[in-house]
Amino acid sequence: MTAWRLVACPLFTKEEVEIIVGELDCTPEALRNLAALLSDAERARAARFKFEKHRRRYIVTRGRLRLLLAERLDAAPESIEIACRSHGKPILGGRFVECGLHFNVSHSENVAVYAFADRREVGIDIEAVRELWDMDSIAAGVFSPREHEAYLNLEASERALGFFNCWTRKEAFVKALGDGLRYPLDSFEVSLSPGQQAKLLRVGDMPGDSCAWTLDDFTFGDNYVGAVVTQKQPVSRSDRGAARLAA
């Protein structure tokens, strides 16, 4: 399997968040080994994918997640219960529900990225930078007015990167909150201009610097950008929220 590597995020120490990113290509033997680690629900979900490419990527993403969790929990990968909260955020279930390890996963095309944090909520997102035919209309409908203005002020050659800077940063924040798309995307603002520091500029009526979250960005290869949002202060081990088992 293609090697996986730690991506250093300059604003975080390893004790706060660990990011691992890598490609999803693997040999047929490695694919079979990863598939053997999945739960029955995960196997059923894999079988529902229409295209073989998407099925393989799902198996590798989930199998690798189980291996990474197993390394951190000192447990067998196939024994780990992965649950989710009411709005879909994945968490540990069963005997590991109180262990304090938080994690999040994202993938785009042939790359997956994982974030792990101790007693801190975390959200991560990665995207391949590419031109979208409806990029301008998405920005107009999803970005806040200030973000949209910043996007329109970019040179045409920078628009795709600016778009995906904004998209990954907003997605990582929403995933950290665990509210899914129920959280209005225009109710908070992030920086997006290429070369500008990744920052939460506003959360509701609160300046980004005063909120409970920290935002950082990272890159992988030549055309992937990502963002990670982590809670500044540790949360109680018992504050895990209602969960249900999920694939």
Foldseek 3Di string as FASTA:
>chain_A
DWDKDWDDFVVDDVQFKTKIKDFQDDDPVVLVVLQVLDDPQLVVVLVPDPDPLVSSSSSSQLSVVLVVVCVVVVDRSSPWFWWAFPLGQIDTDDPCLLVQKEKEKEDERGMIMMMIGGQKQKFKYKYFQDDDPCLLVCCVVQEAPVLNVVLVPDDPVQNSQLSVQFVQQLRGVCSSVRNPPVPRRNQWHWGRGPPDFTFTQDHRPHGRVPDQKGKHKDADPDGMIMMMIIGNDGHHSVPRHDIGGHD
